[in-house]
Structure formats: structure tokens, C-alpha cells
Amino acid sequence: MFGIFGKGLLGNLVESFVDNVIRDTVYPIKGSIVYCDLAFGNAEHSGIYVGNNKIVHLDGSGDIEIVSPKIFLDRLGGFNSAISIYVSCDGDSPVGSNKTAKRAKDMAGSCRDYNFILDNCHQFTSGCISGDFENSDNFLWMLKDTAKSELNASTWRVWETVDGEYV
């Protein structure tokens, strides 16, 4: 039991340790879906890896921007439990699509009417996969279902770092 706060900070730390130290890590490919934890296992943030160490995401202000992995992890001014970025994979290999990356890059610079529940980063990320930006994938589990059916993303692995830096 993790109490009212899901698995909590300790649960996140244990899961992150296992994912970073015991399981294999990967480098994303263009069009990979990426996400990180935000609120102690109860909320996550997602986006699309578009190459050159850049991620397109829907920011909490509604801006669709291209950011570095460090900025992607720094949600809520760094007041979150994000430790690692997870990458869509099929087994041990990252999956993505050029079409997904292109849709994400084409949307960069635009703005959406952001709503934490009804029009959020997961809906945007799912729209990059499917082309339907008015989908109902408002939770990470829904986005993961879409990623599995469209990209064959059956597992999620931690993005490998070199000396603590994303490359």
C-alpha cells in the first residue's frame, strides 16, 4: 500500500533505481514517445523525441515547444519527483516513427487551450502518433495503449545518460 499519494517518493526512488541500475537503458529514436513522473507516481509528463537531443511537448501554459531533456524533466519548476525519462520500446529496442516526429515538429510554436484533465500533454502526444489531436487520451495509460497499438511500444525503458547528461 502506498497511501493516498500512490507509490510515493520512496516508491518512485525504488522504481527508478531498478530501472536505471538493473534494467537495460536505451537511446530514443526519432518519434519515440517519452515521459517522466511528476507528482510522486500520480502524474506524468509526456512528449515526442524528435532527434538532436530535443523533445516536443505541450507545456502547462498551452505552448507547444521544442526543449532539451533537462527542461523536459524540470516541470513545475523542478518541484516534482522526475528522476528519469522513459522511452517507448518493443522489448529492449526503442520504437518511434518519422511521421510522429514530423507531426510533433509541425505543431511546435503553436498553442492549445491547456487543461490539466481535458487537454493535456498526453492528448497532444497521442495526437502526434495518430494525427487526431482531439483524441481522448488524457491519461498516461491511454497514451501507452495508443503507443502500443500504433508503434508496438510493449515496454518502457529509461533513456540512457552519459555522465548524467542526455545524449
N, C-alpha and C. Protein backbone atom coordinates (compact mmCIF):
# COMPACT_ATOMS: atom_id res chain seq x y z
N MET A 1 0.84 -1.18 0.00
CA MET A 1 0.00 0.00 0.00
C MET A 1 0.89 1.24 0.00
N PHE A 2 0.56 2.17 -0.89
CA PHE A 2 1.36 3.37 -0.97
C PHE A 2 0.61 4.59 -0.44
N GLY A 3 -0.56 4.42 0.14
CA GLY A 3 -1.28 5.54 0.73
C GLY A 3 -1.97 6.40 -0.32
N ILE A 4 -2.39 7.57 0.10
CA ILE A 4 -3.16 8.44 -0.77
C ILE A 4 -2.33 9.05 -1.89
N PHE A 5 -1.01 9.00 -1.79
CA PHE A 5 -0.15 9.59 -2.80
C PHE A 5 0.43 8.53 -3.74
N GLY A 6 -0.35 7.50 -4.07
CA GLY A 6 0.13 6.47 -4.99
C GLY A 6 1.33 5.75 -4.40
N LYS A 7 2.33 5.51 -5.23
CA LYS A 7 3.51 4.79 -4.75
C LYS A 7 4.44 5.69 -3.95
N GLY A 8 4.25 6.99 -4.01
CA GLY A 8 5.01 7.93 -3.21
C GLY A 8 6.45 8.10 -3.67
N LEU A 9 7.12 9.01 -3.00
CA LEU A 9 8.50 9.34 -3.34
C LEU A 9 9.40 8.12 -3.18
N LEU A 10 9.25 7.38 -2.08
CA LEU A 10 10.07 6.19 -1.87
C LEU A 10 9.83 5.16 -2.97
N GLY A 11 8.58 4.96 -3.34
CA GLY A 11 8.26 4.04 -4.44
C GLY A 11 8.89 4.47 -5.75
N ASN A 12 8.84 5.79 -6.03
CA ASN A 12 9.47 6.31 -7.24
C ASN A 12 10.97 6.09 -7.22
N LEU A 13 11.59 6.32 -6.06
CA LEU A 13 13.05 6.15 -5.96
C LEU A 13 13.44 4.69 -6.16
N VAL A 14 12.69 3.78 -5.57
CA VAL A 14 12.98 2.35 -5.74
C VAL A 14 12.80 1.94 -7.19
N GLU A 15 11.67 2.34 -7.79
CA GLU A 15 11.42 2.00 -9.19
C GLU A 15 12.51 2.59 -10.09
N SER A 16 12.89 3.83 -9.84
CA SER A 16 13.92 4.48 -10.65
C SER A 16 15.26 3.78 -10.49
N PHE A 17 15.60 3.35 -9.28
CA PHE A 17 16.85 2.63 -9.05
C PHE A 17 16.86 1.35 -9.87
N VAL A 18 15.79 0.58 -9.79
CA VAL A 18 15.71 -0.67 -10.55
C VAL A 18 15.82 -0.39 -12.04
N ASP A 19 15.07 0.61 -12.53
CA ASP A 19 15.07 0.91 -13.97
C ASP A 19 16.41 1.43 -14.46
N ASN A 20 17.14 2.17 -13.62
CA ASN A 20 18.41 2.76 -14.03
C ASN A 20 19.61 1.85 -13.81
N VAL A 21 19.54 0.99 -12.82
CA VAL A 21 20.71 0.20 -12.45
C VAL A 21 20.60 -1.26 -12.90
N ILE A 22 19.42 -1.84 -12.82
CA ILE A 22 19.27 -3.26 -13.11
C ILE A 22 18.82 -3.51 -14.55
N ARG A 23 17.85 -2.76 -15.02
CA ARG A 23 17.33 -2.95 -16.39
C ARG A 23 18.22 -2.23 -17.39
N ASP A 24 18.18 -2.71 -18.64
CA ASP A 24 18.92 -2.03 -19.71
C ASP A 24 18.31 -0.67 -20.00
N THR A 25 19.16 0.30 -20.28
CA THR A 25 18.71 1.62 -20.69
C THR A 25 18.85 1.74 -22.20
N VAL A 26 18.20 2.74 -22.80
CA VAL A 26 18.18 2.89 -24.26
C VAL A 26 18.35 4.35 -24.65
N TYR A 27 18.66 4.57 -25.91
CA TYR A 27 18.62 5.90 -26.51
C TYR A 27 17.36 5.97 -27.36
N PRO A 28 16.58 7.04 -27.28
CA PRO A 28 15.38 7.15 -28.11
C PRO A 28 15.75 7.30 -29.58
N ILE A 29 14.80 6.97 -30.44
CA ILE A 29 14.93 7.22 -31.87
C ILE A 29 13.87 8.27 -32.24
N LYS A 30 14.01 8.86 -33.43
CA LYS A 30 13.02 9.86 -33.86
C LYS A 30 11.62 9.29 -33.75
N GLY A 31 10.76 10.07 -33.14
CA GLY A 31 9.36 9.66 -33.00
C GLY A 31 9.08 8.80 -31.79
N SER A 32 10.10 8.54 -30.95
CA SER A 32 9.85 7.80 -29.71
C SER A 32 8.97 8.64 -28.78
N ILE A 33 8.10 7.95 -28.05
CA ILE A 33 7.30 8.60 -27.03
C ILE A 33 8.15 8.61 -25.76
N VAL A 34 8.18 9.73 -25.08
CA VAL A 34 8.93 9.83 -23.83
C VAL A 34 8.01 10.38 -22.73
N TYR A 35 8.31 9.96 -21.51
CA TYR A 35 7.56 10.51 -20.38
C TYR A 35 8.42 10.48 -19.13
N CYS A 36 8.03 11.29 -18.14
CA CYS A 36 8.66 11.30 -16.83
C CYS A 36 7.57 11.44 -15.77
N ASP A 37 7.88 10.98 -14.56
CA ASP A 37 6.96 11.16 -13.43
C ASP A 37 6.99 12.62 -13.01
N LEU A 38 5.87 13.06 -12.46
CA LEU A 38 5.79 14.44 -11.96
C LEU A 38 5.47 14.49 -10.48
N ALA A 39 4.39 13.87 -10.10
CA ALA A 39 3.87 14.04 -8.74
C ALA A 39 3.85 12.72 -7.99
N PHE A 40 5.02 12.23 -7.66
CA PHE A 40 5.15 11.07 -6.80
C PHE A 40 4.32 9.88 -7.28
N GLY A 41 4.36 9.64 -8.58
CA GLY A 41 3.68 8.47 -9.13
C GLY A 41 2.22 8.68 -9.49
N ASN A 42 1.70 9.88 -9.27
CA ASN A 42 0.29 10.14 -9.56
C ASN A 42 0.08 10.97 -10.81
N ALA A 43 1.12 11.54 -11.36
CA ALA A 43 1.01 12.33 -12.58
C ALA A 43 2.30 12.20 -13.36
N GLU A 44 2.18 12.27 -14.68
CA GLU A 44 3.33 12.15 -15.55
C GLU A 44 3.27 13.24 -16.61
N HIS A 45 4.41 13.43 -17.29
CA HIS A 45 4.50 14.39 -18.38
C HIS A 45 5.04 13.64 -19.59
N SER A 46 4.45 13.88 -20.78
CA SER A 46 4.86 13.14 -21.97
C SER A 46 5.17 14.08 -23.13
N GLY A 47 5.89 13.54 -24.11
CA GLY A 47 6.24 14.28 -25.30
C GLY A 47 6.80 13.34 -26.36
N ILE A 48 7.33 13.93 -27.44
CA ILE A 48 7.86 13.18 -28.58
C ILE A 48 9.32 13.55 -28.77
N TYR A 49 10.19 12.53 -28.85
CA TYR A 49 11.60 12.77 -29.17
C TYR A 49 11.69 13.00 -30.68
N VAL A 50 12.33 14.11 -31.07
CA VAL A 50 12.39 14.47 -32.50
C VAL A 50 13.82 14.47 -33.05
N GLY A 51 14.77 13.93 -32.28
CA GLY A 51 16.16 13.88 -32.74
C GLY A 51 16.96 15.04 -32.19
N ASN A 52 18.27 14.96 -32.37
CA ASN A 52 19.19 16.02 -31.94
C ASN A 52 19.01 16.43 -30.49
N ASN A 53 18.70 15.45 -29.63
CA ASN A 53 18.56 15.69 -28.20
C ASN A 53 17.43 16.67 -27.88
N LYS A 54 16.34 16.62 -28.65
CA LYS A 54 15.21 17.54 -28.46
C LYS A 54 13.91 16.77 -28.33
N ILE A 55 13.01 17.33 -27.53
CA ILE A 55 11.69 16.78 -27.28
C ILE A 55 10.66 17.86 -27.56
N VAL A 56 9.58 17.50 -28.25
CA VAL A 56 8.45 18.41 -28.42
C VAL A 56 7.39 18.00 -27.40
N HIS A 57 6.90 18.99 -26.66
CA HIS A 57 5.88 18.71 -25.64
C HIS A 57 4.90 19.87 -25.55
N LEU A 58 3.77 19.60 -24.93
CA LEU A 58 2.79 20.62 -24.61
C LEU A 58 3.05 21.06 -23.18
N ASP A 59 3.48 22.30 -23.02
CA ASP A 59 3.78 22.87 -21.72
C ASP A 59 2.48 23.17 -20.98
N GLY A 60 2.56 23.29 -19.67
CA GLY A 60 1.39 23.58 -18.86
C GLY A 60 0.73 24.91 -19.17
N SER A 61 1.42 25.78 -19.88
CA SER A 61 0.82 27.07 -20.28
C SER A 61 0.04 26.94 -21.59
N GLY A 62 0.16 25.79 -22.26
CA GLY A 62 -0.51 25.57 -23.53
C GLY A 62 0.41 25.73 -24.73
N ASP A 63 1.65 26.14 -24.49
CA ASP A 63 2.62 26.30 -25.57
C ASP A 63 3.18 24.94 -25.98
N ILE A 64 3.28 24.72 -27.28
CA ILE A 64 3.93 23.52 -27.80
C ILE A 64 5.34 23.94 -28.16
N GLU A 65 6.30 23.36 -27.46
CA GLU A 65 7.68 23.82 -27.60
C GLU A 65 8.65 22.67 -27.79
N ILE A 66 9.80 23.01 -28.35
CA ILE A 66 10.91 22.06 -28.51
C ILE A 66 11.89 22.37 -27.39
N VAL A 67 12.19 21.34 -26.57
CA VAL A 67 13.04 21.55 -25.39
C VAL A 67 14.10 20.45 -25.28
N SER A 68 15.08 20.70 -24.44
CA SER A 68 16.09 19.71 -24.11
C SER A 68 15.50 18.73 -23.09
N PRO A 69 16.11 17.55 -22.93
CA PRO A 69 15.66 16.62 -21.89
C PRO A 69 15.69 17.25 -20.49
N LYS A 70 16.69 18.08 -20.22
CA LYS A 70 16.78 18.72 -18.90
C LYS A 70 15.56 19.60 -18.64
N ILE A 71 15.17 20.39 -19.61
CA ILE A 71 13.99 21.25 -19.44
C ILE A 71 12.72 20.40 -19.36
N PHE A 72 12.66 19.32 -20.15
CA PHE A 72 11.52 18.41 -20.10
C PHE A 72 11.34 17.85 -18.68
N LEU A 73 12.42 17.49 -18.02
CA LEU A 73 12.37 16.95 -16.66
C LEU A 73 12.05 18.02 -15.62
N ASP A 74 12.31 19.27 -15.92
CA ASP A 74 12.19 20.35 -14.95
C ASP A 74 10.78 20.92 -14.89
N ARG A 75 9.77 20.07 -14.97
CA ARG A 75 8.39 20.53 -14.87
C ARG A 75 8.14 21.08 -13.49
N LEU A 76 7.18 21.94 -13.37
CA LEU A 76 6.77 22.53 -12.10
C LEU A 76 7.93 23.21 -11.39
N GLY A 77 8.82 23.81 -12.19
CA GLY A 77 9.97 24.50 -11.62
C GLY A 77 10.93 23.57 -10.90
N GLY A 78 10.92 22.30 -11.27
CA GLY A 78 11.80 21.33 -10.63
C GLY A 78 11.20 20.73 -9.38
N PHE A 79 10.02 21.21 -8.96
CA PHE A 79 9.35 20.67 -7.78
C PHE A 79 8.49 19.49 -8.19
N ASN A 80 9.18 18.40 -8.51
CA ASN A 80 8.50 17.18 -8.91
C ASN A 80 9.39 15.99 -8.58
N SER A 81 8.90 14.80 -8.81
CA SER A 81 9.68 13.61 -8.48
C SER A 81 10.35 13.01 -9.71
N ALA A 82 10.45 13.77 -10.80
CA ALA A 82 11.05 13.26 -12.03
C ALA A 82 12.54 12.99 -11.83
N ILE A 83 12.93 11.76 -12.10
CA ILE A 83 14.32 11.37 -12.00
C ILE A 83 14.83 10.88 -13.35
N SER A 84 13.97 10.21 -14.09
CA SER A 84 14.35 9.59 -15.35
C SER A 84 13.32 9.88 -16.43
N ILE A 85 13.78 9.80 -17.67
CA ILE A 85 12.88 9.88 -18.81
C ILE A 85 12.74 8.46 -19.36
N TYR A 86 11.50 8.03 -19.55
CA TYR A 86 11.21 6.71 -20.09
C TYR A 86 10.93 6.80 -21.58
N VAL A 87 11.37 5.79 -22.34
CA VAL A 87 11.30 5.76 -23.80
C VAL A 87 10.44 4.58 -24.25
N SER A 88 9.59 4.80 -25.25
CA SER A 88 8.79 3.72 -25.81
C SER A 88 9.69 2.68 -26.47
N CYS A 89 9.46 1.41 -26.13
CA CYS A 89 10.29 0.32 -26.66
C CYS A 89 9.43 -0.88 -27.03
N ASP A 90 9.99 -1.72 -27.87
CA ASP A 90 9.47 -3.05 -28.13
C ASP A 90 10.54 -3.99 -27.59
N GLY A 91 10.29 -4.55 -26.42
CA GLY A 91 11.34 -5.32 -25.74
C GLY A 91 12.43 -4.37 -25.28
N ASP A 92 13.65 -4.61 -25.74
CA ASP A 92 14.79 -3.77 -25.35
C ASP A 92 15.13 -2.70 -26.38
N SER A 93 14.37 -2.62 -27.47
CA SER A 93 14.68 -1.69 -28.56
C SER A 93 13.70 -0.53 -28.61
N PRO A 94 14.22 0.70 -28.74
CA PRO A 94 13.32 1.86 -28.83
C PRO A 94 12.48 1.81 -30.10
N VAL A 95 11.26 2.30 -30.00
CA VAL A 95 10.37 2.40 -31.17
C VAL A 95 9.88 3.83 -31.30
N GLY A 96 9.56 4.21 -32.51
CA GLY A 96 9.03 5.52 -32.82
C GLY A 96 8.72 5.55 -34.30
N SER A 97 8.34 6.70 -34.80
CA SER A 97 8.10 6.82 -36.24
C SER A 97 8.44 8.23 -36.71
N ASN A 98 8.96 8.31 -37.93
CA ASN A 98 9.27 9.61 -38.51
C ASN A 98 8.01 10.46 -38.66
N LYS A 99 6.88 9.82 -38.97
CA LYS A 99 5.62 10.54 -39.12
C LYS A 99 5.21 11.19 -37.79
N THR A 100 5.40 10.47 -36.69
CA THR A 100 5.10 11.01 -35.36
C THR A 100 5.99 12.21 -35.06
N ALA A 101 7.30 12.07 -35.34
CA ALA A 101 8.24 13.18 -35.11
C ALA A 101 7.88 14.39 -35.96
N LYS A 102 7.50 14.16 -37.21
CA LYS A 102 7.14 15.26 -38.11
C LYS A 102 5.90 15.99 -37.61
N ARG A 103 4.89 15.23 -37.20
CA ARG A 103 3.69 15.88 -36.66
C ARG A 103 4.03 16.75 -35.46
N ALA A 104 4.89 16.23 -34.58
CA ALA A 104 5.28 16.99 -33.38
C ALA A 104 6.00 18.27 -33.78
N LYS A 105 6.98 18.16 -34.67
CA LYS A 105 7.74 19.35 -35.09
C LYS A 105 6.84 20.36 -35.79
N ASP A 106 5.89 19.87 -36.59
CA ASP A 106 4.96 20.78 -37.28
C ASP A 106 4.09 21.56 -36.31
N MET A 107 3.82 20.98 -35.13
CA MET A 107 2.98 21.65 -34.14
C MET A 107 3.76 22.63 -33.26
N ALA A 108 5.10 22.50 -33.24
CA ALA A 108 5.93 23.36 -32.39
C ALA A 108 5.71 24.83 -32.74
N GLY A 109 5.59 25.64 -31.71
CA GLY A 109 5.36 27.06 -31.90
C GLY A 109 3.89 27.43 -31.83
N SER A 110 3.02 26.45 -31.87
CA SER A 110 1.58 26.75 -31.75
C SER A 110 1.16 26.61 -30.28
N CYS A 111 -0.10 26.83 -30.04
CA CYS A 111 -0.62 26.84 -28.68
C CYS A 111 -1.95 26.10 -28.64
N ARG A 112 -2.23 25.44 -27.52
CA ARG A 112 -3.52 24.78 -27.30
C ARG A 112 -4.15 25.38 -26.04
N ASP A 113 -5.43 25.16 -25.89
CA ASP A 113 -6.14 25.62 -24.70
C ASP A 113 -5.94 24.58 -23.60
N TYR A 114 -4.78 24.63 -22.95
CA TYR A 114 -4.37 23.60 -21.99
C TYR A 114 -5.35 23.47 -20.83
N ASN A 115 -5.62 22.21 -20.49
CA ASN A 115 -6.41 21.88 -19.32
C ASN A 115 -5.79 20.62 -18.72
N PHE A 116 -5.49 20.62 -17.44
CA PHE A 116 -4.80 19.51 -16.79
C PHE A 116 -5.47 18.16 -17.04
N ILE A 117 -6.78 18.14 -17.11
CA ILE A 117 -7.51 16.89 -17.31
C ILE A 117 -7.97 16.71 -18.76
N LEU A 118 -8.51 17.75 -19.39
CA LEU A 118 -9.21 17.59 -20.66
C LEU A 118 -8.41 17.91 -21.92
N ASP A 119 -7.29 18.60 -21.82
CA ASP A 119 -6.48 18.91 -23.00
C ASP A 119 -5.04 19.06 -22.52
N ASN A 120 -4.37 17.93 -22.35
CA ASN A 120 -3.07 17.95 -21.71
C ASN A 120 -1.97 17.34 -22.59
N CYS A 121 -0.79 17.18 -22.02
CA CYS A 121 0.37 16.69 -22.77
C CYS A 121 0.14 15.29 -23.35
N HIS A 122 -0.59 14.44 -22.64
CA HIS A 122 -0.82 13.07 -23.14
C HIS A 122 -1.71 13.09 -24.39
N GLN A 123 -2.72 13.94 -24.38
CA GLN A 123 -3.59 14.07 -25.55
C GLN A 123 -2.78 14.61 -26.73
N PHE A 124 -1.92 15.59 -26.47
CA PHE A 124 -1.07 16.13 -27.54
C PHE A 124 -0.14 15.04 -28.08
N THR A 125 0.53 14.32 -27.18
CA THR A 125 1.47 13.27 -27.60
C THR A 125 0.75 12.19 -28.40
N SER A 126 -0.42 11.79 -27.95
CA SER A 126 -1.20 10.79 -28.69
C SER A 126 -1.60 11.32 -30.06
N GLY A 127 -1.92 12.61 -30.13
CA GLY A 127 -2.25 13.22 -31.42
C GLY A 127 -1.08 13.18 -32.38
N CYS A 128 0.13 13.31 -31.86
CA CYS A 128 1.32 13.20 -32.73
C CYS A 128 1.45 11.79 -33.30
N ILE A 129 1.04 10.79 -32.54
CA ILE A 129 1.09 9.41 -33.02
C ILE A 129 0.02 9.18 -34.08
N SER A 130 -1.21 9.56 -33.78
CA SER A 130 -2.36 9.20 -34.62
C SER A 130 -2.76 10.25 -35.65
N GLY A 131 -2.39 11.49 -35.42
CA GLY A 131 -2.85 12.58 -36.28
C GLY A 131 -4.15 13.19 -35.79
N ASP A 132 -4.78 12.58 -34.78
CA ASP A 132 -6.03 13.07 -34.21
C ASP A 132 -5.73 13.80 -32.90
N PHE A 133 -5.60 15.12 -32.97
CA PHE A 133 -5.24 15.89 -31.78
C PHE A 133 -6.43 16.15 -30.86
N GLU A 134 -7.62 15.75 -31.27
CA GLU A 134 -8.82 15.88 -30.42
C GLU A 134 -9.21 14.53 -29.84
N ASN A 135 -8.24 13.63 -29.68
CA ASN A 135 -8.49 12.32 -29.10
C ASN A 135 -8.83 12.46 -27.62
N SER A 136 -9.09 11.34 -26.97
CA SER A 136 -9.45 11.36 -25.55
C SER A 136 -8.39 10.71 -24.67
N ASP A 137 -7.16 10.63 -25.14
CA ASP A 137 -6.07 10.00 -24.37
C ASP A 137 -5.51 10.98 -23.34
N ASN A 138 -6.27 11.24 -22.30
CA ASN A 138 -5.89 12.26 -21.32
C ASN A 138 -5.09 11.72 -20.13
N PHE A 139 -4.81 10.43 -20.12
CA PHE A 139 -4.02 9.82 -19.06
C PHE A 139 -2.90 9.00 -19.68
N LEU A 140 -1.80 8.83 -18.95
CA LEU A 140 -0.66 8.11 -19.48
C LEU A 140 -1.03 6.70 -19.92
N TRP A 141 -1.86 6.00 -19.16
CA TRP A 141 -2.21 4.63 -19.54
C TRP A 141 -2.92 4.60 -20.90
N MET A 142 -3.70 5.62 -21.20
CA MET A 142 -4.38 5.70 -22.50
C MET A 142 -3.36 5.95 -23.61
N LEU A 143 -2.43 6.88 -23.36
CA LEU A 143 -1.35 7.15 -24.32
C LEU A 143 -0.54 5.89 -24.56
N LYS A 144 -0.22 5.15 -23.50
CA LYS A 144 0.54 3.91 -23.66
C LYS A 144 -0.22 2.90 -24.51
N ASP A 145 -1.54 2.83 -24.36
CA ASP A 145 -2.35 1.93 -25.21
C ASP A 145 -2.23 2.33 -26.67
N THR A 146 -2.30 3.62 -26.96
CA THR A 146 -2.17 4.10 -28.34
C THR A 146 -0.77 3.81 -28.87
N ALA A 147 0.25 4.06 -28.05
CA ALA A 147 1.63 3.79 -28.46
C ALA A 147 1.84 2.30 -28.73
N LYS A 148 1.18 1.47 -27.95
CA LYS A 148 1.30 0.02 -28.17
C LYS A 148 0.63 -0.40 -29.48
N SER A 149 -0.56 0.11 -29.73
CA SER A 149 -1.28 -0.30 -30.94
C SER A 149 -0.69 0.31 -32.21
N GLU A 150 -0.16 1.53 -32.13
CA GLU A 150 0.34 2.21 -33.33
C GLU A 150 1.85 2.04 -33.56
N LEU A 151 2.61 1.91 -32.47
CA LEU A 151 4.07 1.85 -32.59
C LEU A 151 4.67 0.54 -32.08
N ASN A 152 3.81 -0.34 -31.55
CA ASN A 152 4.25 -1.60 -30.96
C ASN A 152 5.11 -1.36 -29.70
N ALA A 153 4.78 -0.32 -28.94
CA ALA A 153 5.51 0.00 -27.72
C ALA A 153 5.00 -0.89 -26.59
N SER A 154 5.68 -2.02 -26.41
CA SER A 154 5.24 -3.00 -25.41
C SER A 154 5.93 -2.82 -24.07
N THR A 155 7.04 -2.08 -24.04
CA THR A 155 7.77 -1.83 -22.80
C THR A 155 8.26 -0.39 -22.78
N TRP A 156 8.74 0.03 -21.63
CA TRP A 156 9.25 1.39 -21.45
C TRP A 156 10.57 1.29 -20.71
N ARG A 157 11.61 1.85 -21.29
CA ARG A 157 12.96 1.79 -20.71
C ARG A 157 13.47 3.20 -20.44
N VAL A 158 14.38 3.31 -19.48
CA VAL A 158 14.97 4.59 -19.14
C VAL A 158 15.94 5.03 -20.24
N TRP A 159 15.88 6.32 -20.56
CA TRP A 159 16.78 6.94 -21.53
C TRP A 159 18.18 6.94 -20.92
N GLU A 160 19.13 6.36 -21.62
CA GLU A 160 20.49 6.26 -21.14
C GLU A 160 21.16 7.63 -21.11
N THR A 161 21.92 7.86 -20.06
CA THR A 161 22.68 9.10 -19.94
C THR A 161 24.17 8.76 -19.91
N VAL A 162 24.98 9.73 -20.26
CA VAL A 162 26.43 9.60 -20.16
C VAL A 162 26.90 10.68 -19.20
N ASP A 163 27.48 10.26 -18.09
CA ASP A 163 27.90 11.19 -17.03
C ASP A 163 26.76 12.11 -16.61
N GLY A 164 25.55 11.56 -16.53
CA GLY A 164 24.39 12.31 -16.09
C GLY A 164 23.79 13.22 -17.15
N GLU A 165 24.31 13.20 -18.36
CA GLU A 165 23.80 14.06 -19.43
C GLU A 165 23.08 13.21 -20.48
N TYR A 166 21.97 13.74 -20.99
CA TYR A 166 21.24 13.06 -22.07
C TYR A 166 21.93 13.36 -23.39
N VAL A 167 22.19 12.30 -24.16
CA VAL A 167 22.86 12.47 -25.46
C VAL A 167 22.04 11.82 -26.55
